[in-house]
Amino acid sequence: MASLVRSGRGLFITLEGIEGCGKSTQARLLANRLRATGRTVTLTSEPGGTRVGRAIRSALLTPGRKVGPLAEWLLFEADRAQHVAEVIRPALEKGNVVISDRFSDSSRAYQGFGRGIGLDEVDRVDAVATGGLKSDLTIVLDLPVSEGLARRRRAGGLNRLDRERERFHQKIRDAFLVLATREPDRIRVVDGRIGRGEVSEVILRHVTAALAGR
């Protein structure tokens, strides 16, 4: 895959989707399955993949906090800059498979589309924050917004973004699907409505193909 040049010697995989889509569970399952084959895997997440990031996560997601769209976006990018420098890039340079629960495509969907900041603007600043790093493979877990939000409510512990109105979350779902149509070689959409085991199998097939492409 040509994109491997951007991420050093390892493979960079990200999982994306609306709230409640199951990406955190699938990220853990994927990491475990790859480790079982003898691969060295770094499993991480955004926001909050570093000590600095955890403070930013609290500022961003605590319910009741008032954070404007611009401040929200720039805080996510600050978290990402630290995340790339401290966790992701060093792991890739060691040859690890890095799996991140959310990365740049979340900012593109949530802030670029959902908040109306604009995709071009988000991409310009994100390129600075990441040093131009992009995922080699992004899996978008897709499912209806009503189902995702119902899952989040059942899980409890709703954060500030979880509490946004349903029409906002619909914008995010639509945005991920638009991004996937624009970059079909990098972004693969997986139906999040099928069983957890089936989702895991589909994701593993995409990852296996990416690893074979090295």
Protein backbone atom coordinates (compact mmCIF):
# COMPACT_ATOMS: atom_id res chain seq x y z
CA MET A 1 0.00 0.00 0.00
CA ALA A 2 1.42 3.38 -0.99
CA SER A 3 0.18 5.01 2.22
CA LEU A 4 2.57 2.91 4.29
CA VAL A 5 5.29 5.41 3.39
CA ARG A 6 3.44 7.96 5.51
CA SER A 7 3.43 5.81 8.64
CA GLY A 8 6.96 4.43 8.83
CA ARG A 9 7.51 0.67 9.01
CA GLY A 10 4.33 -0.29 10.87
CA LEU A 11 0.69 -0.36 9.85
CA PHE A 12 -1.72 2.29 11.13
CA ILE A 13 -5.37 1.24 11.48
CA THR A 14 -8.17 3.45 12.80
CA LEU A 15 -11.77 2.66 13.71
CA GLU A 16 -14.44 5.31 13.28
CA GLY A 17 -18.18 5.78 13.46
CA ILE A 18 -21.02 7.40 15.34
CA GLU A 19 -21.49 7.06 19.08
CA GLY A 20 -22.48 3.53 20.07
CA CYS A 21 -21.31 1.90 16.83
CA GLY A 22 -19.09 -0.63 18.63
CA LYS A 23 -15.70 0.61 17.47
CA SER A 24 -14.06 0.45 20.91
CA THR A 25 -15.09 -3.18 21.32
CA GLN A 26 -13.94 -4.05 17.81
CA ALA A 27 -10.61 -2.28 18.32
CA ARG A 28 -9.93 -4.48 21.36
CA LEU A 29 -11.01 -7.63 19.53
CA LEU A 30 -8.78 -6.81 16.57
CA ALA A 31 -5.79 -6.11 18.80
CA ASN A 32 -6.25 -9.44 20.59
CA ARG A 33 -6.58 -11.37 17.34
CA LEU A 34 -3.47 -9.81 15.84
CA ARG A 35 -1.47 -10.39 19.01
CA ALA A 36 -2.51 -14.03 18.90
CA THR A 37 -0.73 -14.29 15.53
CA GLY A 38 2.48 -12.95 17.08
CA ARG A 39 2.23 -9.34 15.93
CA THR A 40 3.19 -6.48 18.20
CA VAL A 41 0.15 -4.22 18.56
CA THR A 42 -0.27 -0.79 20.09
CA LEU A 43 -3.92 -0.16 21.00
CA THR A 44 -4.82 3.45 21.71
CA SER A 45 -7.68 5.94 21.45
CA GLU A 46 -8.70 9.58 21.06
CA PRO A 47 -9.19 11.82 22.83
CA GLY A 48 -7.10 10.84 25.82
CA GLY A 49 -4.35 8.57 24.50
CA THR A 50 -1.71 10.40 26.54
CA ARG A 51 -1.48 12.06 29.95
CA VAL A 52 -1.94 15.46 28.33
CA GLY A 53 -4.76 14.03 26.25
CA ARG A 54 -6.64 12.81 29.30
CA ALA A 55 -6.80 16.36 30.64
CA ILE A 56 -8.04 17.55 27.24
CA ARG A 57 -10.61 14.74 27.14
CA SER A 58 -12.04 15.90 30.46
CA ALA A 59 -12.31 19.47 29.17
CA LEU A 60 -13.99 18.31 25.97
CA LEU A 61 -16.42 15.62 27.07
CA THR A 62 -17.57 16.38 30.61
CA PRO A 63 -21.36 16.90 30.48
CA GLY A 64 -22.47 20.47 31.11
CA ARG A 65 -19.23 22.05 29.94
CA LYS A 66 -19.75 24.81 27.40
CA VAL A 67 -17.16 24.46 24.63
CA GLY A 68 -17.54 26.46 21.42
CA PRO A 69 -17.11 24.73 18.05
CA LEU A 70 -13.74 26.35 17.31
CA ALA A 71 -12.32 25.62 20.76
CA GLU A 72 -13.66 22.07 20.56
CA TRP A 73 -11.95 21.45 17.25
CA LEU A 74 -8.60 22.93 18.29
CA LEU A 75 -8.60 20.96 21.54
CA PHE A 76 -9.13 17.75 19.59
CA GLU A 77 -6.22 18.71 17.33
CA ALA A 78 -4.01 19.49 20.35
CA ASP A 79 -4.83 16.07 21.77
CA ARG A 80 -3.95 14.51 18.41
CA ALA A 81 -0.64 16.32 18.10
CA GLN A 82 0.47 14.95 21.46
CA HIS A 83 -0.93 11.52 20.64
CA VAL A 84 1.01 11.27 17.37
CA ALA A 85 4.26 12.51 18.88
CA GLU A 86 4.13 10.45 22.06
CA VAL A 87 2.37 7.21 21.08
CA ILE A 88 1.51 6.63 17.44
CA ARG A 89 4.61 7.63 15.49
CA PRO A 90 7.11 5.97 17.87
CA ALA A 91 5.12 2.72 17.74
CA LEU A 92 4.95 2.79 13.94
CA GLU A 93 8.68 3.43 13.72
CA LYS A 94 9.21 0.26 15.78
CA GLY A 95 7.19 -1.65 13.21
CA ASN A 96 4.10 -2.13 15.39
CA VAL A 97 0.57 -2.42 14.17
CA VAL A 98 -1.14 0.63 15.69
CA ILE A 99 -4.90 0.51 16.23
CA SER A 100 -6.55 3.78 17.25
CA ASP A 101 -10.14 4.17 18.36
CA ARG A 102 -10.75 7.46 16.46
CA PHE A 103 -8.27 9.68 14.64
CA SER A 104 -8.37 12.46 12.03
CA ASP A 105 -11.53 11.26 10.28
CA SER A 106 -13.46 11.99 13.47
CA SER A 107 -12.46 15.66 13.29
CA ARG A 108 -13.32 15.70 9.62
CA ALA A 109 -16.80 14.31 10.36
CA TYR A 110 -17.62 15.96 13.70
CA GLN A 111 -16.06 19.38 13.22
CA GLY A 112 -15.68 19.63 9.44
CA PHE A 113 -19.24 18.53 8.69
CA GLY A 114 -21.12 18.41 11.99
CA ARG A 115 -19.99 21.78 13.32
CA GLY A 116 -19.79 23.33 9.85
CA ILE A 117 -16.13 24.37 10.08
CA GLY A 118 -15.44 22.93 6.66
CA LEU A 119 -13.42 19.93 5.48
CA ASP A 120 -10.63 21.93 3.82
CA GLU A 121 -10.02 23.98 6.96
CA VAL A 122 -9.99 20.93 9.19
CA ASP A 123 -7.62 19.08 6.86
CA ARG A 124 -5.14 21.97 6.79
CA VAL A 125 -4.85 22.22 10.57
CA ASP A 126 -4.97 18.46 11.05
CA ALA A 127 -2.00 18.06 8.70
CA VAL A 128 0.00 20.33 11.00
CA ALA A 129 -1.12 18.48 14.15
CA THR A 130 -0.26 15.06 12.70
CA GLY A 131 2.81 16.01 10.71
CA GLY A 132 1.00 14.67 7.66
CA LEU A 133 0.37 11.23 9.17
CA LYS A 134 -2.68 9.40 7.83
CA SER A 135 -4.10 6.00 8.58
CA ASP A 136 -3.23 3.17 6.21
CA LEU A 137 -6.67 1.66 6.76
CA THR A 138 -9.77 3.14 8.37
CA ILE A 139 -12.77 1.01 9.28
CA VAL A 140 -16.07 2.90 9.61
CA LEU A 141 -18.66 0.96 11.56
CA ASP A 142 -22.00 2.12 10.21
CA LEU A 143 -25.43 1.78 11.77
CA PRO A 144 -28.58 3.91 12.14
CA VAL A 145 -28.25 6.82 14.53
CA SER A 146 -31.23 5.72 16.62
CA GLU A 147 -29.62 2.34 17.23
CA GLY A 148 -26.24 3.82 18.12
CA LEU A 149 -27.71 6.29 20.59
CA ALA A 150 -29.86 3.57 22.15
CA ARG A 151 -26.73 1.49 22.72
CA ARG A 152 -24.99 4.45 24.35
CA ARG A 153 -27.93 5.12 26.63
CA ARG A 154 -27.99 1.49 27.73
CA ALA A 155 -24.26 1.62 28.46
CA GLY A 156 -24.67 4.77 30.58
CA GLY A 157 -22.10 7.45 31.32
CA LEU A 158 -23.15 9.72 28.46
CA ASN A 159 -20.60 12.43 27.65
CA ARG A 160 -21.15 15.91 26.24
CA LEU A 161 -21.13 14.79 22.60
CA ASP A 162 -23.41 11.84 23.30
CA ARG A 163 -26.02 14.34 24.49
CA GLU A 164 -26.14 16.26 21.21
CA ARG A 165 -29.43 16.17 19.32
CA GLU A 166 -30.14 13.28 16.99
CA ARG A 167 -29.91 15.47 13.89
CA PHE A 168 -26.29 16.30 14.80
CA HIS A 169 -25.43 12.61 15.01
CA GLN A 170 -27.15 12.05 11.66
CA LYS A 171 -24.81 14.64 10.13
CA ILE A 172 -21.88 12.66 11.52
CA ARG A 173 -23.11 9.37 10.10
CA ASP A 174 -23.65 10.98 6.70
CA ALA A 175 -20.21 12.58 6.86
CA PHE A 176 -18.42 9.27 7.46
CA LEU A 177 -20.21 7.75 4.49
CA VAL A 178 -19.26 10.71 2.29
CA LEU A 179 -15.62 10.41 3.35
CA ALA A 180 -15.67 6.71 2.53
CA THR A 181 -16.92 7.37 -1.00
CA ARG A 182 -14.12 9.91 -1.49
CA GLU A 183 -11.32 7.61 -0.27
CA PRO A 184 -12.46 4.04 -0.97
CA ASP A 185 -8.92 2.63 -0.97
CA ARG A 186 -8.29 3.81 2.59
CA ILE A 187 -11.74 3.88 4.21
CA ARG A 188 -13.87 0.74 4.35
CA VAL A 189 -17.45 0.73 5.65
CA VAL A 190 -18.61 -2.25 7.71
CA ASP A 191 -22.25 -2.83 8.65
CA GLY A 192 -22.40 -2.41 12.42
CA ARG A 193 -25.84 -4.06 12.64
CA ILE A 194 -24.54 -7.58 12.07
CA GLY A 195 -23.36 -9.65 15.02
CA ARG A 196 -20.22 -8.71 16.94
CA GLY A 197 -18.41 -11.84 15.76
CA GLU A 198 -19.34 -11.22 12.13
CA VAL A 199 -18.15 -7.62 12.34
CA SER A 200 -14.86 -8.84 13.78
CA GLU A 201 -14.40 -11.29 10.91
CA VAL A 202 -15.06 -8.63 8.25
CA ILE A 203 -12.62 -6.22 9.89
CA LEU A 204 -9.96 -8.93 10.14
CA ARG A 205 -10.30 -9.66 6.42
CA HIS A 206 -9.71 -5.99 5.58
CA VAL A 207 -6.70 -5.85 7.92
CA THR A 208 -5.25 -9.09 6.60
CA ALA A 209 -5.45 -7.70 3.05
CA ALA A 210 -3.71 -4.50 4.19
CA LEU A 211 -0.92 -6.46 5.87
CA ALA A 212 -0.50 -8.64 2.78
CA GLY A 213 -0.21 -5.48 0.69
CA ARG A 214 2.92 -4.44 2.50
